[in-house]
Protein backbone atom coordinates (compact mmCIF):
# COMPACT_ATOMS: atom_id res chain seq x y z
CA MET A 1 12.34 18.10 34.57
CA ALA A 2 10.65 17.07 31.32
CA SER A 3 7.75 19.22 30.19
CA VAL A 4 4.34 17.83 29.32
CA LEU A 5 1.71 18.64 26.73
CA VAL A 6 -1.93 18.19 27.71
CA LEU A 7 -4.66 17.79 25.07
CA TYR A 8 -8.22 18.46 26.27
CA ASN A 9 -11.70 19.55 25.25
CA GLY A 10 -12.32 17.01 22.49
CA PRO A 11 -13.25 13.35 22.22
CA ILE A 12 -10.23 11.04 22.35
CA TYR A 13 -10.70 7.58 20.87
CA THR A 14 -8.15 5.28 22.44
CA PHE A 15 -8.86 1.85 20.86
CA VAL A 16 -8.37 0.41 24.34
CA ALA A 17 -11.29 -1.95 25.07
CA GLU A 18 -11.49 -1.13 28.79
CA ALA A 19 -11.63 2.64 28.22
CA PRO A 20 -12.44 3.39 24.56
CA THR A 21 -12.90 7.14 25.02
CA ALA A 22 -11.25 9.83 27.11
CA GLN A 23 -11.55 13.55 27.76
CA ALA A 24 -7.85 14.42 27.97
CA LEU A 25 -4.36 13.04 27.61
CA ALA A 26 -0.87 14.11 28.56
CA ILE A 27 2.35 13.60 26.62
CA ARG A 28 5.80 13.43 28.19
CA ASP A 29 9.11 12.45 26.58
CA GLY A 30 7.37 11.56 23.34
CA ARG A 31 4.99 9.06 24.96
CA ILE A 32 1.52 9.06 26.42
CA TYR A 33 1.92 9.91 30.09
CA ALA A 34 -1.70 9.90 31.21
CA VAL A 35 -5.13 9.52 29.64
CA GLY A 36 -8.65 9.69 31.02
CA SER A 37 -10.89 12.35 32.50
CA VAL A 38 -9.71 15.95 32.67
CA GLY A 39 -9.40 15.67 36.43
CA ARG A 40 -7.38 12.48 36.27
CA VAL A 41 -4.95 13.88 33.73
CA GLN A 42 -4.58 17.15 35.65
CA ALA A 43 -3.78 15.21 38.79
CA ALA A 44 -1.19 13.14 36.93
CA VAL A 45 0.69 16.20 35.68
CA ALA A 46 0.41 18.27 38.84
CA GLY A 47 3.76 19.87 39.59
CA LEU A 48 5.10 19.31 36.08
CA ARG A 49 5.77 22.25 33.80
CA GLY A 50 4.29 22.20 30.34
CA ASP A 51 1.70 23.43 27.88
CA SER A 52 -1.84 22.57 26.95
CA LEU A 53 -3.69 22.29 23.67
CA ASN A 54 -7.40 23.08 23.56
CA LEU A 55 -8.82 20.72 20.95
CA GLN A 56 -11.90 22.93 20.59
CA GLY A 57 -14.06 19.87 20.13
CA ARG A 58 -11.84 18.19 17.56
CA ALA A 59 -11.51 14.40 17.75
CA VAL A 60 -8.23 12.60 18.39
CA VAL A 61 -7.33 9.09 17.23
CA PRO A 62 -4.05 7.19 17.17
CA ALA A 63 -2.03 8.29 14.16
CA LEU A 64 -2.82 6.12 11.19
CA THR A 65 -0.53 3.72 9.34
CA ASP A 66 -0.56 3.15 5.60
CA ALA A 67 0.29 -0.56 5.51
CA HIS A 68 1.06 -0.65 1.79
CA VAL A 69 2.40 2.43 0.01
CA HIS A 70 5.00 2.74 -2.74
CA ILE A 71 6.32 5.88 -1.16
CA THR A 72 8.98 6.84 -3.70
CA LEU A 73 6.64 6.26 -6.63
CA GLN A 74 3.98 8.34 -4.88
CA GLY A 75 6.36 11.27 -4.82
CA LEU A 76 7.57 10.66 -8.35
CA ALA A 77 3.98 10.58 -9.60
CA SER A 78 3.62 14.23 -8.65
CA MET A 79 6.75 15.03 -10.68
CA GLU A 80 5.76 13.16 -13.86
CA VAL A 81 2.80 13.24 -16.23
CA ARG A 82 -0.19 12.08 -14.19
CA LEU A 83 -2.84 10.17 -16.10
CA ALA A 84 -5.01 9.02 -13.19
CA GLY A 85 -7.73 11.54 -14.00
CA ALA A 86 -7.80 10.91 -17.74
CA THR A 87 -11.20 9.50 -18.67
CA SER A 88 -10.37 8.86 -22.33
CA LEU A 89 -7.38 7.95 -24.45
CA GLU A 90 -7.62 11.33 -26.17
CA GLU A 91 -7.42 13.16 -22.86
CA ALA A 92 -4.40 11.10 -21.83
CA LEU A 93 -2.63 11.77 -25.11
CA GLY A 94 -3.23 15.50 -24.68
CA LEU A 95 -1.59 15.42 -21.24
CA ILE A 96 1.34 13.45 -22.64
CA ALA A 97 1.80 15.87 -25.54
CA ASP A 98 1.78 18.84 -23.15
CA ARG A 99 4.49 17.26 -20.97
CA ALA A 100 6.64 16.11 -23.89
CA VAL A 101 7.26 19.63 -25.15
CA THR A 102 8.50 20.79 -21.72
CA LEU A 103 11.27 18.19 -21.40
CA PRO A 104 14.90 18.83 -22.34
CA ALA A 105 16.41 17.11 -25.35
CA GLY A 106 17.24 13.47 -24.71
CA ALA A 107 15.08 13.16 -21.59
CA TRP A 108 12.72 10.22 -21.28
CA LEU A 109 9.03 10.95 -20.83
CA ARG A 110 7.77 9.16 -17.72
CA GLY A 111 4.30 8.95 -16.27
CA SER A 112 1.76 6.73 -14.57
CA GLY A 113 -1.86 6.27 -13.61
CA TRP A 114 -3.55 5.39 -16.91
CA ASP A 115 -6.45 2.96 -16.87
CA HIS A 116 -7.64 1.60 -20.20
CA VAL A 117 -10.75 0.16 -18.53
CA THR A 118 -12.14 3.69 -18.27
CA TRP A 119 -11.34 4.16 -21.98
CA GLY A 120 -13.73 1.44 -23.13
CA ARG A 121 -11.28 -1.39 -22.29
CA ARG A 122 -9.20 -0.80 -25.43
CA TRP A 123 -5.52 -1.13 -24.69
CA PRO A 124 -3.48 1.84 -25.93
CA THR A 125 -0.72 1.19 -28.45
CA ARG A 126 2.73 2.43 -29.38
CA ALA A 127 1.16 4.05 -32.44
CA ASP A 128 -1.11 6.13 -30.17
CA LEU A 129 1.92 7.24 -28.20
CA ASP A 130 4.10 7.81 -31.27
CA ALA A 131 1.54 10.31 -32.55
CA VAL A 132 2.20 12.69 -29.64
CA CYS A 133 5.71 11.68 -28.52
CA PRO A 134 7.77 10.35 -31.43
CA GLU A 135 11.14 11.97 -30.71
CA ARG A 136 11.94 10.68 -27.22
CA PRO A 137 11.44 7.36 -25.38
CA ALA A 138 8.19 7.24 -23.39
CA VAL A 139 7.38 4.84 -20.53
CA LEU A 140 3.97 5.13 -18.87
CA LEU A 141 3.12 2.84 -15.96
CA ARG A 142 -0.45 1.55 -15.72
CA LYS A 143 -2.26 2.52 -12.50
CA ASP A 144 -1.77 -0.95 -11.01
CA GLY A 145 1.98 -0.99 -11.69
CA HIS A 146 1.78 -4.31 -13.52
CA SER A 147 2.07 -3.15 -17.13
CA VAL A 148 3.65 -0.29 -19.04
CA TRP A 149 2.73 1.51 -22.22
CA VAL A 150 5.77 2.46 -24.29
CA ASN A 151 6.38 4.07 -27.66
CA SER A 152 8.34 2.76 -30.63
CA MET A 153 11.56 4.49 -29.63
CA ALA A 154 11.51 2.80 -26.20
CA LEU A 155 10.87 -0.56 -27.87
CA ARG A 156 13.80 -0.04 -30.24
CA LEU A 157 16.17 0.95 -27.44
CA ALA A 158 15.14 -2.15 -25.49
CA GLY A 159 15.62 -4.37 -28.55
CA ILE A 160 12.02 -5.60 -28.45
CA SER A 161 10.69 -6.89 -31.75
CA ALA A 162 8.40 -9.58 -33.11
CA ALA A 163 11.24 -12.05 -32.59
CA THR A 164 11.62 -11.26 -28.87
CA PRO A 165 10.20 -14.11 -26.75
CA ASP A 166 7.98 -13.49 -23.74
CA PRO A 167 10.11 -13.62 -20.58
CA PRO A 168 9.12 -16.07 -17.81
CA GLY A 169 6.31 -14.52 -15.77
CA GLY A 170 5.58 -11.80 -18.32
CA MET A 171 4.04 -11.04 -21.69
CA ILE A 172 4.77 -8.77 -24.63
CA GLN A 173 1.38 -7.84 -26.01
CA ARG A 174 1.33 -8.34 -29.79
CA ASP A 175 -0.90 -7.47 -32.72
CA ARG A 176 -2.20 -9.95 -35.30
CA ASP A 177 1.10 -9.84 -37.16
CA GLY A 178 3.07 -10.64 -34.01
CA GLU A 179 4.48 -7.14 -33.67
CA PRO A 180 4.72 -5.61 -30.16
CA THR A 181 1.78 -3.28 -29.51
CA GLY A 182 3.64 -1.21 -26.92
CA ILE A 183 2.13 -2.91 -23.84
CA LEU A 184 4.51 -4.90 -21.64
CA ILE A 185 3.00 -6.92 -18.81
CA GLU A 186 4.65 -8.10 -15.56
CA THR A 187 8.31 -9.17 -16.01
CA ALA A 188 8.27 -8.00 -19.64
CA MET A 189 8.53 -4.50 -18.19
CA ASP A 190 12.11 -5.32 -17.20
CA LEU A 191 13.11 -5.32 -20.86
CA VAL A 192 12.61 -1.55 -20.98
CA ARG A 193 13.64 -0.88 -17.39
CA ARG A 194 17.11 -2.23 -18.19
CA VAL A 195 17.75 0.57 -20.68
CA GLU A 196 15.86 3.35 -18.90
CA PRO A 197 18.13 5.94 -17.25
CA GLU A 198 18.35 5.54 -13.50
CA LEU A 199 16.87 8.20 -11.26
CA THR A 200 19.42 10.25 -9.38
CA GLU A 201 19.58 10.21 -5.61
CA THR A 202 18.43 13.83 -5.56
CA GLU A 203 15.36 12.96 -7.62
CA ARG A 204 14.50 10.04 -5.35
CA LEU A 205 14.99 11.99 -2.12
CA ASN A 206 12.88 14.87 -3.38
CA ALA A 207 10.15 12.41 -4.31
CA LEU A 208 10.28 10.88 -0.82
CA ARG A 209 10.01 14.27 0.86
CA LEU A 210 6.94 15.14 -1.19
CA ALA A 211 5.19 11.87 -0.42
CA ILE A 212 6.10 11.89 3.29
CA ASN A 213 4.67 15.39 3.70
CA GLU A 214 1.49 14.25 1.97
CA ALA A 215 1.19 11.27 4.33
CA LEU A 216 1.55 13.51 7.38
CA SER A 217 -1.19 15.78 6.05
CA TYR A 218 -3.68 12.90 6.37
CA GLY A 219 -2.75 11.94 9.93
CA ILE A 220 -0.44 9.12 8.87
CA ALA A 221 2.62 8.69 11.08
CA SER A 222 3.78 5.23 9.95
CA ILE A 223 4.12 3.53 6.58
CA HIS A 224 4.88 0.02 5.37
CA VAL A 225 6.86 0.18 2.14
CA PRO A 226 6.96 -2.69 -0.36
CA PRO A 227 9.48 -2.76 -3.19
CA THR A 228 7.84 -1.91 -6.48
CA PRO A 229 7.86 -4.72 -9.03
CA ASN A 230 10.14 -4.26 -12.01
CA HIS A 231 11.07 -0.71 -11.05
CA ALA A 232 14.48 0.87 -10.61
CA THR A 233 13.60 2.30 -7.18
CA ALA A 234 13.12 -1.15 -5.59
CA PRO A 235 16.61 -1.60 -4.06
CA GLU A 236 17.16 2.09 -3.34
CA THR A 237 14.19 2.87 -1.09
CA LEU A 238 15.70 1.50 2.12
CA ARG A 239 18.97 3.26 1.39
CA ASP A 240 17.22 6.56 0.68
CA LEU A 241 15.15 6.37 3.87
CA GLN A 242 18.36 5.73 5.80
CA THR A 243 19.83 8.84 4.19
CA LEU A 244 16.86 10.92 5.34
CA ARG A 245 17.08 9.34 8.79
CA GLY A 246 20.76 10.22 9.02
CA ARG A 247 20.01 13.81 8.06
CA GLY A 248 17.23 14.11 10.64
CA GLU A 249 14.65 14.41 7.84
CA LEU A 250 12.52 11.33 8.49
CA PRO A 251 9.45 12.52 10.41
CA LEU A 252 7.43 9.30 10.21
CA ARG A 253 8.04 5.63 10.95
CA CYS A 254 8.87 3.20 8.16
CA LEU A 255 8.75 -0.57 7.89
CA VAL A 256 10.53 -1.45 4.65
CA HIS A 257 10.16 -4.82 2.95
CA LEU A 258 13.04 -6.44 1.10
CA ALA A 259 12.88 -7.43 -2.57
CA GLN A 260 13.22 -11.07 -3.55
CA PRO A 261 16.70 -10.69 -5.11
CA GLN A 262 17.96 -9.34 -1.76
CA LEU A 263 17.16 -12.53 0.19
CA GLU A 264 20.54 -14.24 0.02
CA ALA A 265 22.41 -11.06 0.90
CA ALA A 266 20.07 -10.50 3.84
CA ILE A 267 20.63 -14.05 5.09
CA ALA A 268 24.40 -13.70 4.70
CA LEU A 269 24.33 -10.50 6.74
CA GLY A 270 22.09 -12.04 9.39
CA LEU A 271 19.30 -9.53 8.89
CA ARG A 272 15.99 -10.39 10.55
CA SER A 273 12.52 -8.94 10.20
CA GLY A 274 12.05 -6.25 12.83
CA LEU A 275 15.68 -5.13 12.82
CA GLY A 276 15.96 -1.38 13.32
CA ASP A 277 14.63 1.30 15.60
CA ARG A 278 11.30 3.03 16.09
CA TRP A 279 11.85 5.09 12.92
CA LEU A 280 13.17 2.62 10.38
CA ARG A 281 12.81 -1.16 10.48
CA ILE A 282 13.22 -4.16 8.22
CA GLY A 283 9.92 -5.80 7.29
CA GLY A 284 9.47 -9.00 5.34
CA LEU A 285 10.56 -10.35 1.98
CA LYS A 286 8.22 -9.15 -0.76
CA LEU A 287 7.23 -11.85 -3.23
CA PHE A 288 4.82 -11.73 -6.15
CA ALA A 289 2.51 -14.67 -6.79
CA ASP A 290 0.59 -13.08 -9.67
CA GLY A 291 -0.21 -9.82 -11.43
CA SER A 292 -3.28 -7.59 -11.23
CA LEU A 293 -6.95 -7.48 -12.10
CA GLY A 294 -6.68 -4.54 -14.48
CA SER A 295 -3.87 -6.10 -16.47
CA GLU A 296 -5.79 -9.43 -16.45
CA SER A 297 -2.72 -11.04 -14.94
CA ALA A 298 -4.21 -11.93 -11.55
CA GLU A 299 -4.06 -15.72 -11.34
CA MET A 300 -7.53 -17.27 -11.16
CA LEU A 301 -8.79 -20.78 -10.51
CA SER A 302 -11.07 -20.56 -13.55
CA HIS A 303 -11.25 -18.41 -16.66
CA TYR A 304 -11.93 -14.69 -16.55
CA GLU A 305 -15.48 -13.89 -17.59
CA GLY A 306 -15.68 -13.84 -21.39
CA ARG A 307 -12.00 -14.81 -21.70
CA ARG A 308 -10.09 -18.04 -22.27
CA HIS A 309 -7.27 -17.45 -19.83
CA THR A 310 -6.68 -17.52 -16.08
CA GLY A 311 -4.03 -14.82 -15.68
CA ILE A 312 -0.34 -15.21 -14.89
CA ALA A 313 1.54 -16.98 -12.11
CA THR A 314 4.62 -14.78 -11.77
CA ILE A 315 6.44 -17.36 -9.64
CA ASP A 316 6.14 -21.12 -9.89
CA PRO A 317 4.77 -23.02 -6.87
CA GLU A 318 8.05 -24.79 -6.10
CA THR A 319 10.07 -21.56 -6.06
CA LEU A 320 7.39 -19.79 -4.02
CA GLU A 321 7.37 -22.47 -1.35
CA ALA A 322 11.15 -22.86 -1.26
CA THR A 323 11.63 -19.11 -0.93
CA ILE A 324 9.10 -18.82 1.90
CA ARG A 325 10.72 -21.74 3.73
CA ARG A 326 14.21 -20.29 3.36
CA ALA A 327 13.20 -16.79 4.41
CA ASN A 328 11.19 -17.95 7.43
CA ALA A 329 13.93 -20.37 8.52
CA HIS A 330 16.31 -17.41 8.75
CA GLY A 331 13.94 -15.15 10.68
CA ILE A 332 12.60 -13.23 7.70
CA ALA A 333 8.84 -12.98 7.32
CA VAL A 334 7.26 -12.80 3.88
CA ALA A 335 4.80 -10.33 2.39
CA VAL A 336 3.35 -11.99 -0.69
CA HIS A 337 1.41 -10.11 -3.34
CA ALA A 338 -1.64 -12.20 -4.28
CA ILE A 339 -4.69 -10.88 -6.14
CA GLY A 340 -6.50 -13.83 -7.75
CA ASP A 341 -8.15 -16.73 -5.94
CA ALA A 342 -5.62 -19.18 -7.40
CA ALA A 343 -2.68 -17.03 -6.29
CA ASN A 344 -4.08 -16.64 -2.79
CA ARG A 345 -4.59 -20.39 -2.52
CA ARG A 346 -1.06 -21.10 -3.70
CA VAL A 347 0.36 -18.67 -1.16
CA LEU A 348 -1.73 -20.10 1.68
CA ASP A 349 -0.70 -23.63 0.70
CA ALA A 350 2.96 -22.60 0.70
CA LEU A 351 2.67 -20.81 4.05
CA GLU A 352 0.91 -23.79 5.58
CA ARG A 353 3.62 -26.21 4.45
CA ALA A 354 6.36 -23.82 5.57
CA ALA A 355 4.77 -23.59 9.03
CA ALA A 356 4.56 -27.36 9.27
CA ASP A 357 8.20 -27.62 8.25
CA ARG A 358 9.23 -25.12 10.95
CA ARG A 359 7.34 -27.03 13.60
CA ALA A 360 8.85 -30.33 12.52
CA SER A 361 12.35 -28.83 12.56
CA GLY A 362 11.89 -26.94 15.82
CA VAL A 363 12.59 -23.63 14.10
CA ALA A 364 10.96 -20.54 15.61
CA ALA A 365 8.58 -18.42 13.57
CA PRO A 366 9.96 -15.14 12.21
CA PRO A 367 9.83 -12.15 14.58
CA LEU A 368 7.09 -10.56 12.45
CA PRO A 369 4.01 -12.35 11.08
CA ASN A 370 3.81 -13.42 7.48
CA ARG A 371 1.31 -11.46 5.42
CA ILE A 372 -0.51 -11.49 2.11
CA GLU A 373 -0.71 -8.19 0.27
CA HIS A 374 -4.09 -7.36 -1.33
CA VAL A 375 -6.04 -10.64 -0.82
CA GLN A 376 -8.39 -9.29 -3.48
CA VAL A 377 -10.49 -12.37 -4.18
CA LEU A 378 -10.75 -15.65 -2.30
CA HIS A 379 -12.36 -19.01 -2.92
CA PRO A 380 -14.87 -19.79 -0.13
CA ARG A 381 -12.69 -22.70 0.98
CA ASP A 382 -9.77 -20.34 1.72
CA VAL A 383 -11.45 -17.53 3.68
CA GLY A 384 -10.69 -18.91 7.13
CA ARG A 385 -7.14 -19.97 6.37
CA LEU A 386 -5.54 -16.56 7.02
CA ALA A 387 -6.67 -16.60 10.63
CA HIS A 388 -5.77 -20.28 11.04
CA LEU A 389 -2.24 -19.63 9.77
CA GLU A 390 -1.95 -16.28 11.63
CA VAL A 391 -1.32 -14.47 8.35
CA ILE A 392 -1.92 -10.72 8.22
CA ALA A 393 -4.45 -9.65 5.58
CA SER A 394 -2.85 -6.48 4.19
CA MET A 395 -5.70 -4.99 2.16
CA GLN A 396 -6.58 -1.67 0.51
CA PRO A 397 -10.27 -0.68 0.82
CA ILE A 398 -10.15 1.90 -1.97
CA HIS A 399 -9.49 -0.87 -4.50
CA ALA A 400 -13.03 -2.20 -4.03
CA THR A 401 -14.81 0.97 -5.06
CA SER A 402 -12.29 1.78 -7.75
CA ASP A 403 -12.35 -1.69 -9.31
CA MET A 404 -15.96 -2.80 -8.89
CA GLU A 405 -17.11 -2.52 -12.52
CA MET A 406 -13.92 -4.14 -13.77
CA ALA A 407 -14.21 -6.89 -11.14
CA GLU A 408 -17.83 -7.56 -12.10
CA ALA A 409 -16.89 -7.76 -15.77
CA LEU A 410 -13.89 -10.07 -15.26
CA TRP A 411 -14.77 -12.09 -12.14
CA GLY A 412 -18.58 -12.17 -12.19
CA SER A 413 -20.14 -13.98 -9.22
CA ARG A 414 -16.73 -14.49 -7.65
CA CYS A 415 -17.00 -10.86 -6.51
CA ALA A 416 -19.04 -12.05 -3.53
CA LEU A 417 -15.68 -12.77 -1.89
CA ALA A 418 -13.72 -9.95 -3.50
CA TYR A 419 -12.28 -7.33 -1.14
CA ALA A 420 -14.02 -9.38 1.55
CA TRP A 421 -12.98 -7.48 4.67
CA ARG A 422 -15.98 -8.57 6.75
CA SER A 423 -15.64 -12.24 5.88
CA VAL A 424 -11.89 -12.23 6.55
CA ARG A 425 -12.19 -10.27 9.79
CA ASP A 426 -14.99 -12.42 11.14
CA THR A 427 -12.75 -15.49 10.95
CA GLY A 428 -10.34 -13.79 13.35
CA ALA A 429 -7.72 -12.63 10.84
CA ILE A 430 -5.93 -9.31 11.42
CA LEU A 431 -6.63 -6.61 8.83
CA ALA A 432 -3.92 -4.05 8.02
CA PHE A 433 -5.26 -1.37 5.70
CA GLY A 434 -3.26 0.72 3.26
CA SER A 435 -3.60 2.64 0.02
CA ASP A 436 -1.30 1.03 -2.59
CA ALA A 437 -0.52 4.61 -3.64
CA PRO A 438 0.15 5.77 -6.28
CA VAL A 439 -2.13 3.06 -7.69
CA GLU A 440 -4.88 4.78 -5.69
CA THR A 441 -5.04 7.91 -3.55
CA MET A 442 -2.97 7.82 -0.38
CA ASN A 443 -5.81 9.53 1.49
CA PRO A 444 -6.88 7.04 4.20
CA TRP A 445 -10.16 8.84 4.79
CA MET A 446 -11.23 7.90 1.28
CA GLY A 447 -10.27 4.35 2.18
CA LEU A 448 -12.23 4.54 5.43
CA HIS A 449 -15.31 5.68 3.51
CA ALA A 450 -14.91 2.78 1.08
CA ALA A 451 -14.56 0.28 3.93
CA VAL A 452 -17.64 1.56 5.74
CA THR A 453 -19.93 2.11 2.74
CA ARG A 454 -18.54 0.12 -0.23
CA GLN A 455 -19.56 3.16 -2.22
CA ARG A 456 -17.78 5.93 -4.06
CA PRO A 457 -18.03 9.42 -2.55
CA ASN A 458 -20.91 10.18 -4.94
CA GLY A 459 -23.01 7.46 -3.27
CA TYR A 460 -22.67 4.91 -6.08
CA PRO A 461 -23.85 2.21 -5.99
CA GLU A 462 -26.91 2.76 -3.84
CA GLY A 463 -26.68 0.60 -0.75
CA GLY A 464 -23.07 -0.32 -1.47
CA TRP A 465 -21.36 -2.97 -3.60
CA TYR A 466 -21.76 -6.31 -1.83
CA PRO A 467 -22.71 -4.39 1.31
CA GLU A 468 -22.46 -7.50 3.50
CA GLN A 469 -18.68 -6.95 3.39
CA ARG A 470 -18.86 -3.49 5.00
CA LEU A 471 -17.11 -2.66 8.28
CA SER A 472 -18.06 -0.31 11.08
CA VAL A 473 -16.07 2.90 11.53
CA ALA A 474 -14.37 1.42 14.59
CA GLU A 475 -13.41 -1.76 12.75
CA ALA A 476 -12.09 0.12 9.74
CA LEU A 477 -10.06 2.56 11.83
CA GLU A 478 -8.69 -0.34 13.83
CA ALA A 479 -7.37 -1.74 10.55
CA TYR A 480 -5.52 1.55 9.98
CA CYS A 481 -4.19 1.79 13.55
CA VAL A 482 -4.05 -1.48 15.48
CA GLY A 483 -3.70 -4.01 12.65
CA PRO A 484 -0.58 -2.46 11.10
CA ALA A 485 1.08 -2.22 14.53
CA LEU A 486 0.52 -5.94 14.99
CA ALA A 487 1.90 -6.55 11.50
CA SER A 488 5.08 -4.61 12.25
CA GLY A 489 5.57 -6.12 15.72
CA GLU A 490 5.01 -2.77 17.41
CA SER A 491 1.62 -3.23 19.08
CA ALA A 492 3.18 -2.55 22.49
CA GLU A 493 4.08 0.97 21.31
CA LYS A 494 1.69 2.01 18.54
CA GLY A 495 -1.90 1.83 17.41
CA ARG A 496 -3.66 2.71 20.67
CA ILE A 497 -3.71 5.63 23.12
CA ALA A 498 -2.58 4.39 26.51
CA PRO A 499 0.14 5.29 29.03
CA GLY A 500 3.57 4.28 27.77
CA MET A 501 2.58 4.21 24.10
CA LEU A 502 4.32 6.46 21.58
CA ALA A 503 2.55 9.81 21.31
CA ASP A 504 1.65 9.45 17.63
CA LEU A 505 -1.73 11.13 17.23
CA ALA A 506 -4.04 12.54 14.61
CA VAL A 507 -6.18 15.54 15.54
CA LEU A 508 -9.01 15.48 13.02
CA THR A 509 -11.09 18.08 11.22
CA GLY A 510 -14.20 15.98 11.88
CA ASP A 511 -15.33 13.18 14.16
CA PRO A 512 -15.59 9.90 12.24
CA PHE A 513 -17.71 8.34 14.98
CA ARG A 514 -20.26 11.14 14.89
CA SER A 515 -20.25 11.88 11.16
CA SER A 516 -22.60 10.39 8.62
CA PRO A 517 -20.96 7.91 6.23
CA ALA A 518 -21.24 10.47 3.41
CA GLU A 519 -19.14 12.93 5.46
CA LEU A 520 -16.20 10.57 6.01
CA PRO A 521 -14.22 11.45 2.83
CA ALA A 522 -14.07 15.10 3.89
CA ILE A 523 -12.33 14.30 7.19
CA THR A 524 -8.58 14.76 7.34
CA ALA A 525 -5.90 15.78 9.81
CA ALA A 526 -5.97 19.21 11.39
CA MET A 527 -2.73 18.25 13.12
CA THR A 528 -0.44 15.23 13.11
CA ILE A 529 1.65 14.66 16.22
CA VAL A 530 4.60 12.28 15.99
CA GLU A 531 6.38 11.36 19.21
CA GLY A 532 4.81 14.34 20.95
CA ARG A 533 5.86 16.91 18.35
CA VAL A 534 3.65 18.57 15.78
CA ALA A 535 4.84 17.20 12.44
CA PHE A 536 1.98 18.72 10.45
CA GLU A 537 -0.57 21.43 11.11
CA ARG A 538 -3.22 22.46 8.65
């Protein structure tokens, strides 16, 4: 006879409309067995052996999902020089110099997280980097993952000179004499990646373990993993997660997107979105329509404020549409990165035409919904199109509060529909929230605070940035629980607390529904339960 675990004496938020709160729940065989009043749950488990957990007033919610996390890079970031906290170029160079002297001879210096916007918007150069790291190649990924800062040795090894042309979809930043400055944007990063030593399997697996443990510590029990653009880990992530799964070392659920170069192989093998089990599943095909705000490579309908450019389209419209059509026709959904209003429009146009083509041909839609990753700024004409086309809006709330000054400076009045969760949700579109870690913190409670307040934890700006786009706590948490389950085709098993659902739960250190908005960032997981077992306990 299977044993049961009963949780009681704390508010349980179910996200079930008919019974949104409960006093107790019971778990059996890794699933919710009963939920409701204490008396009802006790009656349901009468005669069954088991244990009980006194919540001591702590709140319970469905375990959260991070719907967009570069999980290997998140782990690697903790093993490399971390520049996310550097508020000046001088501070960053000091951190780089400290790390350089600790590395063995011949090793490359790697790092990430720098943000030149916080350094007065001056891009760093190879000369800056040469001053502190001249004897070994150095590759430092910008916080958004769409540009790298390299030193002269890395440029030489990659064969990049004034005569090197910009690759399609990328740019080699140059000085007035045409010489490379040391900044490579979008596909230009590949020029260095091709000569950079590959990470070993041991390094990648260790990075995954670190990042997975961090996710569990926040109450996250599921992740959606996109391939990282122009990075060596892109094709290995699915393989590495399978390795952990085979060793019994995968304690959370993963939906892994495919990279664009893998499409033809996936079609030849007959792979479909949703293939897998409750631990590891195939997601969609990740495509990139443009770059990022911080690298000024997000594709815009009109010029950036104070600039004479509109960003970069990293894939031409014909290829974008043809790829979406081909993937969808073979049962593979797409997850398209789109930041700028022009990129979002191009993606929506392509998805609309692909849907019309499927209907005309009698081809079924893919098993999972198509989605747009980021949806950072929309033209007013396009806001309602996500819901109309049943496209998931995979968004990251922390970007709004992190990027607001930069967005104001580069997008101006267009910010009224930047990070527009309220506008998108009110049209009926499904929100799936994530972190984009290591671009931002993986901590979903920081993201929840951003979604509810549109402020940083210090209360800035007063009243919130474009506060009309705020969400309620319930709406924001739904985007971390219910929305991702819909996006992964698992809403019958995850995202809510109801009999028959997987027992993936977060026992919290605070109650988000009874806390003030200012208290939300301090909430985290006291315990994370995955399939009825305690995977993390603080």
